Amino acid sequence: MAQDFEMSKERLYISEVLVVDDEVDIRNLIKDILSDDNYVTKLAVDGLSAIKMAYEKEPDVVLLDIWLRGSDIDGLSVLEKLKERYPYLPVIMISGHGNIATAVKSLHMGAYDYIEKPFTEGRLKLVVKRAIESGRLRRENDELKSAFEDYEIVGNSPVIRNLRSMINKAATTSSRILITGSPGVGKEVVARLIHKKSKGYDTPFISMYSSMLPANNYLVNIFGSEESNNILSHRVPPHIGIIEQANHGTLFIDEVTDLRYDTQLRLLRLLQEGKIYRENSKIPVSIDVRIIVSSSKDIESEVKAGRFCEDLYYRLNVLPIRVPSLVEYCTDIPELCRYFMNSICKKIGLCTHVLSDEALIAMQSYEWPGNLRQLRNVIEWILIMKSPKEMITAKDLPVDIVSNSPINDVLSA
């Protein structure tokens, strides 16, 4: 079954962690702790060997000592090289006492988080788990985004034509937009198309994934910060947060209801005043940004439950756009399959296939709880499993797609 297949992939896949530290005791301690959770751990003693190992095969997460005594290059230089090659690779910096300013600087450079020595087993496992999940979700979002990067929304059904019309109308305004829809429908794709049509490629489009913001330095990541220590202030530049990075462009907030309530109130203040305050600063920063938010939850229910600020909801819900679930435009599935097939084959070097009528009937009859993301995953799985140039039949599909389809009666006969 498709869902079972997704779960089995998660069970079979073992995450790989690269540990980079000059202290053998620290390397072995981390390896022992992570082995309890079945991580594959690779060890590097210096910066150059770490870069070589990472370039040979991208790990799922890197634990990187800041100083790396005795190494040709320090941890910050390694971080810079890793992020150049792998923008979505989560890197967790390991700092000792007195290295906090440098650890904060590493966050400005793209590190996911940092942990201080001595760290607890629970803290290490939690940060690693969150980092791996963050990297995975960012890749999935990017895959879905890139599927439509240079293309309009795929399909020609009435609901898709209506969605295109809404996108075109939204692009003519600077109003705030609330995009709703089930997980996997392509809410960020819609936001990016609106930005592309209204602001083009010359202004930033910055995504903020509410559920993936690290608990450590949560507000710093969003609003930025200035160094409060006068001795260090001239050495450490201000950290530009996500909101400020989007200045003069578009800020897309994914799953806005997942924002902490204190952050909701500060976002409301931004909408009221057009200004933010960095952490450790009383000087306002003017912000001119179009805000587009998304949610897969019923926001009105979140407001009634007291989990979402009512005033913020009304200020964000100026132009609502609902992205339909795939089951609502199942007549477009043949076109979507062809598009995903061509896109995947181009990226990973596989041959395209033809889908039989029976296979298409089964796919159009399925409910697709994971929407476009699930459809794309199924197409990729079929392409990998199927021999080149063979026609894809209903028998090649995951069992749960076929089992509830009318075509199943024919296959079972």
Protein backbone atom coordinates (compact mmCIF):
# COMPACT_ATOMS: atom_id res chain seq x y z
CA MET A 1 0.00 0.00 0.00
CA ALA A 2 1.18 3.55 -0.70
CA GLN A 3 1.02 4.62 2.93
CA ASP A 4 2.62 1.37 4.04
CA PHE A 5 5.30 1.94 1.43
CA GLU A 6 6.04 5.39 2.84
CA MET A 7 6.22 3.97 6.36
CA SER A 8 8.44 1.11 5.25
CA LYS A 9 10.83 3.54 3.63
CA GLU A 10 11.13 5.39 6.93
CA ARG A 11 11.71 2.15 8.84
CA LEU A 12 14.30 0.87 6.38
CA TYR A 13 16.16 4.14 6.02
CA ILE A 14 18.82 4.69 8.66
CA SER A 15 19.95 8.27 9.15
CA GLU A 16 23.65 9.02 8.86
CA VAL A 17 25.37 11.42 11.25
CA LEU A 18 28.82 12.93 10.68
CA VAL A 19 30.57 13.86 13.95
CA VAL A 20 33.49 16.29 13.66
CA ASP A 21 35.49 16.91 16.84
CA ASP A 22 39.17 16.96 17.74
CA GLU A 23 38.51 15.21 21.07
CA VAL A 24 38.37 11.43 20.73
CA ASP A 25 36.32 11.10 23.94
CA ILE A 26 33.63 13.44 22.59
CA ARG A 27 33.50 11.64 19.25
CA ASN A 28 33.10 8.25 20.88
CA LEU A 29 30.57 9.53 23.43
CA ILE A 30 28.33 10.92 20.68
CA LYS A 31 28.68 7.72 18.67
CA ASP A 32 27.68 5.59 21.67
CA ILE A 33 24.66 7.77 22.47
CA LEU A 34 23.36 7.87 18.89
CA SER A 35 23.94 4.17 18.30
CA ASP A 36 21.14 3.50 20.80
CA ASP A 37 18.74 5.06 18.27
CA ASN A 38 20.23 3.14 15.33
CA TYR A 39 21.99 6.06 13.67
CA VAL A 40 24.96 5.34 11.44
CA THR A 41 27.74 7.54 12.82
CA LYS A 42 30.86 8.56 10.91
CA LEU A 43 33.73 10.28 12.72
CA ALA A 44 36.14 12.97 11.55
CA VAL A 45 39.00 14.42 13.57
CA ASP A 46 39.62 17.60 11.53
CA GLY A 47 37.97 19.98 9.10
CA LEU A 48 39.48 18.79 5.84
CA SER A 49 38.64 15.13 6.43
CA ALA A 50 35.10 16.15 7.42
CA ILE A 51 34.62 18.08 4.18
CA LYS A 52 36.01 15.17 2.16
CA MET A 53 33.66 12.68 3.84
CA ALA A 54 30.63 14.94 3.42
CA TYR A 55 31.41 15.64 -0.25
CA GLU A 56 31.69 11.91 -0.95
CA LYS A 57 28.24 11.29 0.53
CA GLU A 58 25.92 13.85 2.06
CA PRO A 59 25.04 12.93 5.66
CA ASP A 60 21.63 13.61 7.17
CA VAL A 61 23.07 15.82 9.89
CA VAL A 62 26.50 17.06 11.00
CA LEU A 63 27.66 17.60 14.59
CA LEU A 64 30.56 20.03 14.28
CA ASP A 65 32.94 21.36 16.92
CA ILE A 66 33.45 25.10 16.63
CA TRP A 67 37.21 25.29 17.23
CA LEU A 68 38.67 21.97 15.99
CA ARG A 69 42.03 22.46 17.66
CA GLY A 70 44.91 21.15 15.59
CA SER A 71 42.85 21.29 12.39
CA ASP A 72 43.89 23.22 9.29
CA ILE A 73 40.52 24.98 9.29
CA ASP A 74 38.11 25.73 12.13
CA GLY A 75 34.49 24.70 12.50
CA LEU A 76 33.05 27.91 11.05
CA SER A 77 35.07 27.43 7.87
CA VAL A 78 33.84 23.85 7.62
CA LEU A 79 30.27 25.06 8.14
CA GLU A 80 30.67 27.56 5.31
CA LYS A 81 31.94 24.88 2.90
CA LEU A 82 29.19 22.42 3.83
CA LYS A 83 26.40 24.98 3.37
CA GLU A 84 27.83 25.99 -0.01
CA ARG A 85 27.54 22.41 -1.23
CA TYR A 86 24.42 21.34 0.71
CA PRO A 87 22.11 24.30 1.54
CA TYR A 88 19.59 22.07 3.34
CA LEU A 89 22.10 20.03 5.35
CA PRO A 90 21.41 20.67 9.06
CA VAL A 91 24.62 21.39 10.97
CA ILE A 92 24.64 21.39 14.77
CA MET A 93 27.58 23.25 16.27
CA ILE A 94 29.28 21.93 19.43
CA SER A 95 30.49 24.73 21.68
CA GLY A 96 32.26 24.92 25.01
CA HIS A 97 31.88 27.48 27.76
CA GLY A 98 32.91 30.91 26.54
CA ASN A 99 32.09 30.13 22.91
CA ILE A 100 28.50 31.37 22.92
CA ALA A 101 29.21 34.45 20.79
CA THR A 102 30.84 32.25 18.17
CA ALA A 103 27.98 29.77 18.38
CA VAL A 104 25.49 32.56 17.73
CA LYS A 105 27.60 33.67 14.77
CA SER A 106 27.36 30.14 13.38
CA LEU A 107 23.55 30.46 13.40
CA HIS A 108 23.91 33.57 11.26
CA MET A 109 25.97 31.47 8.85
CA GLY A 110 23.29 28.81 8.49
CA ALA A 111 23.86 26.36 11.35
CA TYR A 112 20.66 24.66 12.47
CA ASP A 113 21.39 24.88 16.20
CA TYR A 114 24.17 24.49 18.76
CA ILE A 115 24.73 22.45 21.91
CA GLU A 116 27.07 23.29 24.76
CA LYS A 117 29.54 20.95 26.41
CA PRO A 118 28.82 19.15 28.63
CA PHE A 119 25.53 18.14 27.01
CA THR A 120 23.00 15.61 28.23
CA GLU A 121 22.07 12.47 26.33
CA GLY A 122 18.46 13.63 26.05
CA ARG A 123 19.42 17.04 24.69
CA LEU A 124 21.72 15.52 22.06
CA LYS A 125 19.13 13.02 20.85
CA LEU A 126 16.38 15.66 20.70
CA VAL A 127 18.43 18.17 18.70
CA VAL A 128 19.64 15.51 16.25
CA LYS A 129 16.12 14.17 15.73
CA ARG A 130 14.69 17.64 15.10
CA ALA A 131 17.54 18.56 12.77
CA ILE A 132 17.06 15.46 10.61
CA GLU A 133 13.31 16.06 10.41
CA SER A 134 13.91 19.71 9.52
CA GLY A 135 16.25 18.77 6.69
CA ARG A 136 13.82 16.18 5.36
CA LEU A 137 10.87 18.56 5.36
CA ARG A 138 12.85 21.31 3.67
CA ARG A 139 13.85 18.91 0.90
CA GLU A 140 10.25 17.74 0.46
CA ASN A 141 9.00 21.31 0.26
CA ASP A 142 11.71 22.17 -2.23
CA GLU A 143 10.87 19.15 -4.38
CA LEU A 144 7.23 20.15 -4.49
CA LYS A 145 8.19 23.76 -5.21
CA SER A 146 10.63 22.84 -7.98
CA ALA A 147 8.03 20.63 -9.63
CA PHE A 148 6.22 23.80 -10.68
CA GLU A 149 9.13 26.25 -10.60
CA ASP A 150 8.96 27.28 -14.25
CA TYR A 151 5.41 26.13 -14.89
CA GLU A 152 1.88 27.10 -14.06
CA ILE A 153 -0.30 24.90 -11.89
CA VAL A 154 -0.80 21.66 -13.83
CA GLY A 155 -4.30 20.70 -14.98
CA ASN A 156 -7.30 22.06 -16.84
CA SER A 157 -10.25 21.06 -14.66
CA PRO A 158 -12.70 23.76 -13.47
CA VAL A 159 -11.23 23.86 -9.94
CA ILE A 160 -7.70 24.31 -11.29
CA ARG A 161 -8.82 27.01 -13.73
CA ASN A 162 -10.49 28.77 -10.80
CA LEU A 163 -7.30 28.46 -8.75
CA ARG A 164 -5.28 30.01 -11.58
CA SER A 165 -7.79 32.85 -11.77
CA MET A 166 -7.44 33.50 -8.03
CA ILE A 167 -3.65 33.50 -8.33
CA ASN A 168 -3.77 36.02 -11.18
CA LYS A 169 -6.12 38.31 -9.26
CA ALA A 170 -4.03 38.08 -6.10
CA ALA A 171 -0.91 39.00 -8.07
CA THR A 172 -2.41 42.38 -8.99
CA THR A 173 -2.67 43.46 -5.35
CA SER A 174 -0.36 43.82 -2.37
CA SER A 175 -2.99 42.53 0.06
CA ARG A 176 -2.19 39.93 2.67
CA ILE A 177 -3.23 36.41 1.69
CA LEU A 178 -4.33 33.37 3.70
CA ILE A 179 -3.87 30.12 1.77
CA THR A 180 -5.66 27.07 3.17
CA GLY A 181 -5.75 23.43 2.13
CA SER A 182 -4.78 19.94 3.21
CA PRO A 183 -1.12 18.92 3.62
CA GLY A 184 0.64 18.29 0.32
CA VAL A 185 -1.70 20.28 -1.94
CA GLY A 186 0.95 22.84 -2.91
CA LYS A 187 0.18 25.91 -0.79
CA GLU A 188 3.75 27.20 -1.06
CA VAL A 189 3.65 26.68 -4.83
CA VAL A 190 0.64 29.00 -4.96
CA ALA A 191 2.41 31.58 -2.81
CA ARG A 192 5.50 31.47 -5.03
CA LEU A 193 3.43 31.87 -8.19
CA ILE A 194 1.69 34.92 -6.72
CA HIS A 195 5.07 36.41 -5.81
CA LYS A 196 6.52 35.61 -9.23
CA LYS A 197 3.60 37.20 -11.07
CA SER A 198 3.48 40.30 -8.86
CA LYS A 199 7.07 41.00 -7.86
CA GLY A 200 9.09 38.96 -10.33
CA TYR A 201 12.54 37.58 -9.64
CA ASP A 202 14.14 40.80 -8.40
CA THR A 203 12.72 40.76 -4.87
CA PRO A 204 13.18 38.12 -2.17
CA PHE A 205 10.72 35.35 -1.46
CA ILE A 206 11.48 34.01 2.02
CA SER A 207 9.73 31.00 3.53
CA MET A 208 9.35 30.54 7.27
CA TYR A 209 8.36 27.02 8.32
CA SER A 210 6.69 27.54 11.69
CA SER A 211 6.86 23.93 12.83
CA MET A 212 10.57 23.63 12.02
CA LEU A 213 11.91 26.62 13.91
CA PRO A 214 14.39 25.42 16.55
CA ALA A 215 13.25 26.04 20.12
CA ASN A 216 16.69 27.41 20.93
CA ASN A 217 16.86 31.03 19.69
CA TYR A 218 13.29 30.83 18.40
CA LEU A 219 12.71 34.59 18.40
CA VAL A 220 16.23 35.32 17.17
CA ASN A 221 15.60 33.25 14.06
CA ILE A 222 12.42 35.19 13.30
CA PHE A 223 13.20 38.77 14.38
CA GLY A 224 16.99 38.82 14.42
CA SER A 225 19.22 40.01 17.23
CA GLU A 226 21.96 42.39 18.24
CA GLU A 227 24.81 41.52 20.57
CA SER A 228 24.00 42.76 24.07
CA ASN A 229 27.59 42.46 25.29
CA ASN A 230 29.33 45.76 24.56
CA ILE A 231 32.71 44.04 24.41
CA LEU A 232 31.50 41.72 21.64
CA SER A 233 29.13 44.08 19.82
CA HIS A 234 31.81 45.38 17.44
CA ARG A 235 32.90 41.82 16.59
CA VAL A 236 29.54 40.13 16.07
CA PRO A 237 27.34 41.71 13.37
CA PRO A 238 23.58 41.94 13.91
CA HIS A 239 21.76 38.73 13.09
CA ILE A 240 19.20 39.41 10.36
CA GLY A 241 16.10 37.36 11.10
CA ILE A 242 13.72 35.74 8.65
CA ILE A 243 11.30 38.67 8.55
CA GLU A 244 14.03 41.18 7.80
CA GLN A 245 15.46 38.92 5.08
CA ALA A 246 12.12 39.25 3.28
CA ASN A 247 12.13 43.07 3.40
CA HIS A 248 10.83 44.61 0.14
CA GLY A 249 9.70 41.18 -1.01
CA THR A 250 7.34 38.43 0.13
CA LEU A 251 7.33 36.60 3.45
CA PHE A 252 5.59 33.23 3.29
CA ILE A 253 4.70 31.77 6.69
CA ASP A 254 3.93 28.06 6.39
CA GLU A 255 1.45 26.67 8.95
CA VAL A 256 1.00 30.02 10.67
CA THR A 257 -1.09 28.48 13.48
CA ASP A 258 2.04 26.68 14.69
CA LEU A 259 3.64 30.00 15.68
CA ARG A 260 4.03 30.58 19.41
CA TYR A 261 1.44 32.97 20.82
CA ASP A 262 4.03 35.58 21.80
CA THR A 263 5.29 35.51 18.22
CA GLN A 264 1.74 35.96 16.93
CA LEU A 265 1.46 39.14 18.98
CA ARG A 266 4.76 40.47 17.63
CA LEU A 267 3.66 39.65 14.09
CA LEU A 268 0.43 41.57 14.76
CA ARG A 269 2.52 44.54 15.87
CA LEU A 270 4.45 44.36 12.60
CA LEU A 271 1.20 44.52 10.64
CA GLN A 272 0.04 47.48 12.73
CA GLU A 273 3.25 49.51 12.77
CA GLY A 274 5.35 48.24 9.87
CA LYS A 275 8.29 47.73 12.24
CA ILE A 276 10.04 44.98 14.17
CA TYR A 277 12.49 44.98 17.04
CA ARG A 278 15.49 42.68 16.99
CA GLU A 279 16.22 40.79 20.18
CA ASN A 280 18.41 42.82 22.59
CA SER A 281 17.52 46.05 20.76
CA LYS A 282 15.12 48.93 21.35
CA ILE A 283 15.68 50.44 17.91
CA PRO A 284 12.85 49.69 15.46
CA VAL A 285 13.58 48.32 12.00
CA SER A 286 11.17 49.41 9.25
CA ILE A 287 9.76 46.50 7.28
CA ASP A 288 7.99 46.70 3.91
CA VAL A 289 6.92 43.18 3.10
CA ARG A 290 3.97 41.36 1.62
CA ILE A 291 2.85 38.59 3.94
CA ILE A 292 1.31 35.37 2.66
CA VAL A 293 0.47 32.69 5.21
CA SER A 294 -0.80 29.14 4.93
CA SER A 295 -2.58 26.69 7.18
CA SER A 296 -3.87 23.14 6.93
CA LYS A 297 -5.86 23.64 10.14
CA ASP A 298 -9.24 25.30 10.68
CA ILE A 299 -7.99 28.68 11.89
CA GLU A 300 -11.38 29.79 13.19
CA SER A 301 -11.39 26.75 15.48
CA GLU A 302 -7.87 27.66 16.62
CA VAL A 303 -9.09 31.18 17.41
CA LYS A 304 -12.08 29.87 19.40
CA ALA A 305 -9.77 27.53 21.33
CA GLY A 306 -7.55 30.50 22.25
CA ARG A 307 -4.52 29.14 20.40
CA PHE A 308 -4.49 31.78 17.68
CA CYS A 309 -4.81 35.54 18.03
CA GLU A 310 -8.20 36.66 16.69
CA ASP A 311 -7.03 40.12 15.64
CA LEU A 312 -4.09 38.62 13.75
CA TYR A 313 -6.43 36.21 11.96
CA TYR A 314 -8.60 39.04 10.63
CA ARG A 315 -5.58 41.05 9.53
CA LEU A 316 -4.11 38.08 7.66
CA ASN A 317 -7.36 36.89 6.09
CA VAL A 318 -7.72 39.79 3.64
CA LEU A 319 -7.65 37.62 0.54
CA PRO A 320 -8.41 33.95 1.27
CA ILE A 321 -7.39 31.28 -1.25
CA ARG A 322 -8.26 27.63 -0.80
CA VAL A 323 -6.08 25.12 -2.65
CA PRO A 324 -8.19 22.07 -3.59
CA SER A 325 -7.28 18.53 -2.64
CA LEU A 326 -6.19 16.24 -5.46
CA VAL A 327 -9.40 14.20 -5.22
CA GLU A 328 -11.31 17.33 -6.30
CA TYR A 329 -9.55 17.46 -9.67
CA CYS A 330 -8.85 13.80 -10.30
CA THR A 331 -9.56 14.29 -14.02
CA ASP A 332 -6.19 16.07 -14.18
CA ILE A 333 -4.29 13.06 -12.80
CA PRO A 334 -3.18 11.77 -16.24
CA GLU A 335 -1.62 15.16 -17.03
CA LEU A 336 -0.07 15.36 -13.56
CA CYS A 337 1.38 11.86 -13.93
CA ARG A 338 2.99 12.75 -17.24
CA TYR A 339 4.39 15.94 -15.78
CA PHE A 340 5.83 14.30 -12.66
CA MET A 341 7.17 11.41 -14.72
CA ASN A 342 9.04 13.71 -17.10
CA SER A 343 10.33 15.84 -14.23
CA ILE A 344 11.58 12.87 -12.18
CA CYS A 345 13.13 11.10 -15.16
CA LYS A 346 14.98 14.26 -16.11
CA LYS A 347 16.36 14.67 -12.59
CA ILE A 348 17.45 11.10 -11.85
CA GLY A 349 18.13 9.80 -15.34
CA LEU A 350 15.36 7.22 -15.71
CA CYS A 351 13.29 6.34 -18.76
CA THR A 352 9.70 7.53 -19.02
CA HIS A 353 6.86 5.01 -19.15
CA VAL A 354 3.33 4.89 -20.48
CA LEU A 355 0.49 4.44 -17.98
CA SER A 356 -2.21 2.01 -19.07
CA ASP A 357 -5.86 3.07 -19.05
CA GLU A 358 -6.50 0.67 -16.16
CA ALA A 359 -3.71 2.25 -14.11
CA LEU A 360 -5.07 5.74 -14.73
CA ILE A 361 -8.60 4.65 -13.77
CA ALA A 362 -7.29 3.23 -10.51
CA MET A 363 -5.31 6.39 -9.75
CA GLN A 364 -8.28 8.62 -10.53
CA SER A 365 -10.47 6.53 -8.20
CA TYR A 366 -8.07 6.80 -5.26
CA GLU A 367 -8.57 9.52 -2.62
CA TRP A 368 -4.89 10.59 -2.32
CA PRO A 369 -4.76 11.67 1.36
CA GLY A 370 -1.22 12.98 0.79
CA ASN A 371 -2.27 14.90 -2.33
CA LEU A 372 0.37 16.03 -4.84
CA ARG A 373 3.28 15.03 -2.63
CA GLN A 374 1.96 11.47 -2.35
CA LEU A 375 1.25 11.26 -6.09
CA ARG A 376 4.77 12.36 -6.89
CA ASN A 377 6.25 9.82 -4.46
CA VAL A 378 4.21 7.00 -6.00
CA ILE A 379 5.30 7.97 -9.52
CA GLU A 380 8.95 8.04 -8.44
CA TRP A 381 8.60 4.62 -6.76
CA ILE A 382 7.02 3.11 -9.88
CA LEU A 383 9.76 4.51 -12.11
CA ILE A 384 12.46 3.03 -9.89
CA MET A 385 10.80 -0.38 -9.57
CA LYS A 386 9.62 -0.81 -13.16
CA SER A 387 11.86 -2.13 -15.93
CA PRO A 388 12.70 0.40 -18.68
CA LYS A 389 10.19 0.94 -21.52
CA GLU A 390 7.55 -1.32 -19.97
CA MET A 391 3.98 -0.08 -19.77
CA ILE A 392 2.78 0.65 -16.24
CA THR A 393 -0.37 -1.32 -15.50
CA ALA A 394 -2.73 -1.35 -12.53
CA LYS A 395 -0.85 -4.35 -11.14
CA ASP A 396 2.26 -2.18 -10.79
CA LEU A 397 0.51 0.28 -8.46
CA PRO A 398 0.55 0.11 -4.64
CA VAL A 399 -2.19 -2.21 -3.42
CA ASP A 400 -4.31 0.39 -1.62
CA ILE A 401 -4.63 2.48 -4.79
CA VAL A 402 -6.08 -0.47 -6.68
CA SER A 403 -8.09 -2.13 -3.90
CA ASN A 404 -10.85 0.50 -3.77
CA SER A 405 -10.96 1.06 -7.52
CA PRO A 406 -13.60 -0.36 -9.90
CA ILE A 407 -10.72 -1.83 -11.89
CA ASN A 408 -10.00 -4.15 -8.96
CA ASP A 409 -13.06 -6.26 -9.84
CA VAL A 410 -11.60 -6.83 -13.29
CA LEU A 411 -8.16 -7.71 -11.92
CA SER A 412 -9.64 -10.09 -9.35
CA ALA A 413 -11.82 -11.90 -11.87
